[in-house]
Amino acid sequence: MSADDRQFLRTVVWMFMRHGQRARALAVAEALCEDDPRDGISAVALAELLLDKSEASRALEILQIADIPDDLSHVAAVLETRALKMLGRRRESADRWRRYLEARKGGARQWMA
């Protein structure tokens, strides 16, 4: 698949999501991630769709494999936090969010008690 094809399909996924066609978005996002599991942009979209279906463990797995671009790191942190909480791993969820905030703003600041 060419880079242009991949970008077009990513756009299709986001348009389907935006217009409430989540099942269609899921199908396209799954195909993109199957073709390239390291595609961080597609992985973020797929993880969000999986969390909507309460498939938290699969969403975590996809996010851990992918190379998430820096401009989507905050989205990935939120999705990972949600997935961990869904799985009942509240402490890990809070720790994940804390690590993200420390990486973003520096460990010297106190974000969560």
N, C-alpha and C. Protein backbone atom coordinates (compact mmCIF):
# COMPACT_ATOMS: atom_id res chain seq x y z
N MET A 1 0.85 -1.17 0.00
CA MET A 1 0.00 0.00 0.00
C MET A 1 0.90 1.23 0.00
N SER A 2 0.59 2.16 -0.87
CA SER A 2 1.40 3.38 -0.95
C SER A 2 1.09 4.31 0.22
N ALA A 3 1.97 5.26 0.42
CA ALA A 3 1.77 6.24 1.50
C ALA A 3 0.51 7.07 1.25
N ASP A 4 0.26 7.39 0.00
CA ASP A 4 -0.96 8.15 -0.33
C ASP A 4 -2.22 7.35 -0.04
N ASP A 5 -2.19 6.05 -0.38
CA ASP A 5 -3.33 5.18 -0.10
C ASP A 5 -3.59 5.11 1.40
N ARG A 6 -2.51 4.95 2.15
CA ARG A 6 -2.62 4.85 3.61
C ARG A 6 -3.19 6.15 4.19
N GLN A 7 -2.72 7.27 3.71
CA GLN A 7 -3.23 8.55 4.22
C GLN A 7 -4.71 8.72 3.86
N PHE A 8 -5.09 8.33 2.66
CA PHE A 8 -6.49 8.41 2.26
C PHE A 8 -7.36 7.56 3.18
N LEU A 9 -6.92 6.34 3.46
CA LEU A 9 -7.71 5.44 4.32
C LEU A 9 -7.76 5.95 5.76
N ARG A 10 -6.70 6.57 6.24
CA ARG A 10 -6.74 7.18 7.58
C ARG A 10 -7.80 8.27 7.61
N THR A 11 -7.85 9.07 6.55
CA THR A 11 -8.85 10.13 6.47
C THR A 11 -10.26 9.54 6.45
N VAL A 12 -10.43 8.44 5.74
CA VAL A 12 -11.72 7.76 5.69
C VAL A 12 -12.14 7.31 7.09
N VAL A 13 -11.18 6.75 7.84
CA VAL A 13 -11.48 6.31 9.21
C VAL A 13 -11.97 7.48 10.04
N TRP A 14 -11.26 8.59 10.03
CA TRP A 14 -11.64 9.74 10.85
C TRP A 14 -12.97 10.33 10.40
N MET A 15 -13.23 10.33 9.10
CA MET A 15 -14.52 10.83 8.62
C MET A 15 -15.67 9.91 9.06
N PHE A 16 -15.46 8.61 8.96
CA PHE A 16 -16.48 7.67 9.44
C PHE A 16 -16.73 7.88 10.94
N MET A 17 -15.67 8.06 11.70
CA MET A 17 -15.82 8.27 13.15
C MET A 17 -16.60 9.55 13.41
N ARG A 18 -16.24 10.58 12.72
CA ARG A 18 -16.87 11.88 12.93
C ARG A 18 -18.37 11.86 12.60
N HIS A 19 -18.74 11.03 11.64
CA HIS A 19 -20.13 10.98 11.20
C HIS A 19 -20.90 9.79 11.76
N GLY A 20 -20.37 9.20 12.84
CA GLY A 20 -21.10 8.17 13.55
C GLY A 20 -21.11 6.80 12.88
N GLN A 21 -20.25 6.59 11.93
CA GLN A 21 -20.16 5.30 11.25
C GLN A 21 -19.02 4.48 11.86
N ARG A 22 -19.18 4.17 13.14
CA ARG A 22 -18.08 3.54 13.89
C ARG A 22 -17.75 2.13 13.40
N ALA A 23 -18.73 1.37 12.97
CA ALA A 23 -18.46 0.01 12.48
C ALA A 23 -17.62 0.06 11.21
N ARG A 24 -17.92 0.99 10.34
CA ARG A 24 -17.13 1.14 9.12
C ARG A 24 -15.72 1.63 9.44
N ALA A 25 -15.63 2.57 10.35
CA ALA A 25 -14.32 3.07 10.76
C ALA A 25 -13.48 1.95 11.36
N LEU A 26 -14.12 1.12 12.17
CA LEU A 26 -13.42 -0.01 12.79
C LEU A 26 -12.86 -0.96 11.74
N ALA A 27 -13.65 -1.26 10.73
CA ALA A 27 -13.20 -2.19 9.68
C ALA A 27 -11.98 -1.64 8.94
N VAL A 28 -12.02 -0.37 8.60
CA VAL A 28 -10.90 0.23 7.86
C VAL A 28 -9.67 0.34 8.76
N ALA A 29 -9.85 0.77 10.01
CA ALA A 29 -8.73 0.90 10.94
C ALA A 29 -8.08 -0.45 11.21
N GLU A 30 -8.89 -1.49 11.36
CA GLU A 30 -8.33 -2.83 11.56
C GLU A 30 -7.50 -3.25 10.35
N ALA A 31 -7.98 -2.96 9.15
CA ALA A 31 -7.24 -3.30 7.94
C ALA A 31 -5.91 -2.55 7.88
N LEU A 32 -5.94 -1.27 8.24
CA LEU A 32 -4.70 -0.48 8.25
C LEU A 32 -3.69 -1.03 9.25
N CYS A 33 -4.16 -1.38 10.44
CA CYS A 33 -3.25 -1.90 11.47
C CYS A 33 -2.77 -3.31 11.15
N GLU A 34 -3.59 -4.07 10.47
CA GLU A 34 -3.17 -5.41 10.05
C GLU A 34 -2.06 -5.29 9.00
N ASP A 35 -2.21 -4.33 8.10
CA ASP A 35 -1.20 -4.12 7.07
C ASP A 35 0.11 -3.61 7.66
N ASP A 36 0.01 -2.70 8.64
CA ASP A 36 1.20 -2.14 9.29
C ASP A 36 0.91 -1.90 10.77
N PRO A 37 1.23 -2.89 11.62
CA PRO A 37 0.94 -2.76 13.06
C PRO A 37 1.68 -1.61 13.74
N ARG A 38 2.72 -1.07 13.11
CA ARG A 38 3.50 0.01 13.73
C ARG A 38 2.95 1.39 13.38
N ASP A 39 1.92 1.45 12.55
CA ASP A 39 1.31 2.72 12.14
C ASP A 39 0.58 3.34 13.34
N GLY A 40 1.23 4.31 13.96
CA GLY A 40 0.70 4.92 15.18
C GLY A 40 -0.58 5.69 14.99
N ILE A 41 -0.74 6.33 13.85
CA ILE A 41 -1.95 7.11 13.60
C ILE A 41 -3.16 6.20 13.51
N SER A 42 -3.03 5.12 12.76
CA SER A 42 -4.13 4.15 12.64
C SER A 42 -4.38 3.44 13.97
N ALA A 43 -3.30 3.18 14.70
CA ALA A 43 -3.44 2.49 15.99
C ALA A 43 -4.24 3.31 16.99
N VAL A 44 -4.02 4.62 17.00
CA VAL A 44 -4.77 5.49 17.91
C VAL A 44 -6.26 5.45 17.57
N ALA A 45 -6.57 5.52 16.29
CA ALA A 45 -7.98 5.46 15.88
C ALA A 45 -8.59 4.11 16.25
N LEU A 46 -7.86 3.04 15.96
CA LEU A 46 -8.37 1.70 16.27
C LEU A 46 -8.54 1.51 17.77
N ALA A 47 -7.60 2.00 18.56
CA ALA A 47 -7.71 1.86 20.01
C ALA A 47 -8.95 2.57 20.54
N GLU A 48 -9.22 3.76 20.03
CA GLU A 48 -10.41 4.48 20.46
C GLU A 48 -11.68 3.70 20.12
N LEU A 49 -11.72 3.15 18.93
CA LEU A 49 -12.89 2.37 18.51
C LEU A 49 -13.04 1.09 19.34
N LEU A 50 -11.93 0.47 19.67
CA LEU A 50 -11.98 -0.74 20.49
C LEU A 50 -12.44 -0.43 21.92
N LEU A 51 -12.00 0.70 22.45
CA LEU A 51 -12.44 1.08 23.79
C LEU A 51 -13.94 1.33 23.82
N ASP A 52 -14.48 1.87 22.74
CA ASP A 52 -15.94 2.05 22.65
C ASP A 52 -16.67 0.72 22.71
N LYS A 53 -16.01 -0.33 22.27
CA LYS A 53 -16.60 -1.67 22.29
C LYS A 53 -16.17 -2.46 23.54
N SER A 54 -15.53 -1.78 24.49
CA SER A 54 -15.04 -2.38 25.74
C SER A 54 -14.01 -3.48 25.51
N GLU A 55 -13.19 -3.32 24.48
CA GLU A 55 -12.11 -4.26 24.21
C GLU A 55 -10.79 -3.63 24.64
N ALA A 56 -10.68 -3.40 25.95
CA ALA A 56 -9.55 -2.67 26.51
C ALA A 56 -8.22 -3.40 26.34
N SER A 57 -8.21 -4.70 26.53
CA SER A 57 -6.93 -5.42 26.43
C SER A 57 -6.39 -5.38 25.00
N ARG A 58 -7.28 -5.50 24.03
CA ARG A 58 -6.84 -5.42 22.63
C ARG A 58 -6.35 -4.01 22.29
N ALA A 59 -7.04 -2.99 22.81
CA ALA A 59 -6.62 -1.61 22.57
C ALA A 59 -5.21 -1.37 23.14
N LEU A 60 -4.96 -1.87 24.34
CA LEU A 60 -3.63 -1.72 24.95
C LEU A 60 -2.56 -2.40 24.10
N GLU A 61 -2.87 -3.59 23.65
CA GLU A 61 -1.92 -4.35 22.84
C GLU A 61 -1.55 -3.57 21.56
N ILE A 62 -2.53 -3.01 20.91
CA ILE A 62 -2.30 -2.26 19.68
C ILE A 62 -1.47 -1.02 19.94
N LEU A 63 -1.77 -0.30 21.02
CA LEU A 63 -1.01 0.91 21.35
C LEU A 63 0.43 0.59 21.72
N GLN A 64 0.67 -0.54 22.35
CA GLN A 64 2.03 -0.90 22.76
C GLN A 64 2.90 -1.30 21.57
N ILE A 65 2.29 -1.83 20.53
CA ILE A 65 3.04 -2.25 19.34
C ILE A 65 3.39 -1.05 18.45
N ALA A 66 2.49 -0.10 18.37
CA ALA A 66 2.60 1.00 17.40
C ALA A 66 3.66 2.02 17.78
N ASP A 67 4.15 2.69 16.76
CA ASP A 67 5.04 3.84 16.92
C ASP A 67 4.16 5.09 16.90
N ILE A 68 3.86 5.60 18.08
CA ILE A 68 2.95 6.73 18.19
C ILE A 68 3.72 8.02 17.90
N PRO A 69 3.25 8.84 16.96
CA PRO A 69 3.93 10.12 16.69
C PRO A 69 3.84 11.04 17.92
N ASP A 70 4.83 11.90 18.06
CA ASP A 70 4.86 12.80 19.22
C ASP A 70 3.60 13.65 19.35
N ASP A 71 3.05 14.09 18.22
CA ASP A 71 1.87 14.95 18.30
C ASP A 71 0.61 14.19 18.71
N LEU A 72 0.67 12.87 18.78
CA LEU A 72 -0.46 12.07 19.26
C LEU A 72 -0.15 11.37 20.59
N SER A 73 0.97 11.71 21.22
CA SER A 73 1.34 11.05 22.47
C SER A 73 0.32 11.32 23.58
N HIS A 74 -0.25 12.51 23.59
CA HIS A 74 -1.26 12.82 24.60
C HIS A 74 -2.52 12.00 24.38
N VAL A 75 -2.88 11.76 23.15
CA VAL A 75 -4.05 10.94 22.85
C VAL A 75 -3.80 9.50 23.28
N ALA A 76 -2.62 9.00 22.95
CA ALA A 76 -2.27 7.63 23.34
C ALA A 76 -2.26 7.47 24.86
N ALA A 77 -1.77 8.49 25.58
CA ALA A 77 -1.75 8.44 27.04
C ALA A 77 -3.17 8.36 27.60
N VAL A 78 -4.07 9.15 27.04
CA VAL A 78 -5.47 9.12 27.50
C VAL A 78 -6.08 7.75 27.21
N LEU A 79 -5.84 7.23 26.01
CA LEU A 79 -6.41 5.93 25.64
C LEU A 79 -5.86 4.80 26.50
N GLU A 80 -4.55 4.82 26.76
CA GLU A 80 -3.96 3.81 27.63
C GLU A 80 -4.53 3.91 29.05
N THR A 81 -4.67 5.13 29.54
CA THR A 81 -5.24 5.34 30.87
C THR A 81 -6.65 4.78 30.94
N ARG A 82 -7.46 5.08 29.93
CA ARG A 82 -8.84 4.56 29.88
C ARG A 82 -8.85 3.04 29.83
N ALA A 83 -7.98 2.46 29.01
CA ALA A 83 -7.95 1.00 28.86
C ALA A 83 -7.56 0.33 30.19
N LEU A 84 -6.55 0.86 30.84
CA LEU A 84 -6.13 0.29 32.12
C LEU A 84 -7.24 0.39 33.16
N LYS A 85 -7.92 1.51 33.19
CA LYS A 85 -9.02 1.67 34.13
C LYS A 85 -10.15 0.69 33.83
N MET A 86 -10.47 0.50 32.55
CA MET A 86 -11.50 -0.47 32.16
C MET A 86 -11.16 -1.88 32.61
N LEU A 87 -9.88 -2.17 32.62
CA LEU A 87 -9.43 -3.50 33.03
C LEU A 87 -9.33 -3.64 34.55
N GLY A 88 -9.69 -2.58 35.27
CA GLY A 88 -9.65 -2.61 36.72
C GLY A 88 -8.27 -2.36 37.29
N ARG A 89 -7.37 -1.86 36.48
CA ARG A 89 -5.99 -1.62 36.91
C ARG A 89 -5.82 -0.12 37.19
N ARG A 90 -6.55 0.34 38.22
CA ARG A 90 -6.61 1.77 38.53
C ARG A 90 -5.25 2.37 38.87
N ARG A 91 -4.47 1.66 39.64
CA ARG A 91 -3.15 2.17 40.03
C ARG A 91 -2.26 2.36 38.81
N GLU A 92 -2.26 1.36 37.93
CA GLU A 92 -1.47 1.48 36.70
C GLU A 92 -1.99 2.61 35.82
N SER A 93 -3.30 2.79 35.82
CA SER A 93 -3.91 3.86 35.05
C SER A 93 -3.41 5.22 35.56
N ALA A 94 -3.44 5.42 36.86
CA ALA A 94 -2.95 6.67 37.44
C ALA A 94 -1.46 6.85 37.20
N ASP A 95 -0.70 5.77 37.33
CA ASP A 95 0.74 5.84 37.08
C ASP A 95 1.05 6.20 35.63
N ARG A 96 0.27 5.65 34.71
CA ARG A 96 0.48 5.96 33.28
C ARG A 96 0.24 7.44 33.01
N TRP A 97 -0.83 7.96 33.58
CA TRP A 97 -1.13 9.38 33.38
C TRP A 97 -0.06 10.26 34.01
N ARG A 98 0.40 9.87 35.18
CA ARG A 98 1.45 10.63 35.87
C ARG A 98 2.74 10.64 35.03
N ARG A 99 3.10 9.49 34.47
CA ARG A 99 4.30 9.43 33.62
C ARG A 99 4.17 10.35 32.41
N TYR A 100 3.00 10.36 31.82
CA TYR A 100 2.79 11.25 30.68
C TYR A 100 2.96 12.71 31.09
N LEU A 101 2.34 13.10 32.19
CA LEU A 101 2.43 14.49 32.63
C LEU A 101 3.85 14.88 32.99
N GLU A 102 4.57 13.99 33.65
CA GLU A 102 5.96 14.28 34.01
C GLU A 102 6.82 14.42 32.77
N ALA A 103 6.59 13.58 31.76
CA ALA A 103 7.36 13.67 30.52
C ALA A 103 7.05 14.96 29.79
N ARG A 104 5.83 15.40 29.90
CA ARG A 104 5.40 16.58 29.17
C ARG A 104 5.79 17.87 29.88
N LYS A 105 5.66 17.92 31.19
CA LYS A 105 5.88 19.15 31.94
C LYS A 105 7.09 19.12 32.87
N GLY A 106 7.65 17.95 33.07
CA GLY A 106 8.79 17.84 33.96
C GLY A 106 8.39 17.28 35.31
N GLY A 107 9.26 16.47 35.87
CA GLY A 107 8.98 15.78 37.13
C GLY A 107 8.95 16.68 38.34
N ALA A 108 9.43 17.90 38.21
CA ALA A 108 9.48 18.80 39.37
C ALA A 108 8.09 19.29 39.79
N ARG A 109 7.17 19.26 38.88
CA ARG A 109 5.82 19.74 39.21
C ARG A 109 5.01 18.64 39.87
N GLN A 110 4.16 19.02 40.76
CA GLN A 110 3.29 18.07 41.46
C GLN A 110 1.94 18.08 40.77
N TRP A 111 1.61 17.00 40.08
CA TRP A 111 0.37 16.96 39.33
C TRP A 111 -0.75 16.21 40.05
N MET A 112 -0.38 15.13 40.69
CA MET A 112 -1.40 14.31 41.37
C MET A 112 -0.84 13.91 42.72
N ALA A 113 -1.71 13.89 43.69
CA ALA A 113 -1.29 13.50 45.03
C ALA A 113 -1.27 11.99 45.16
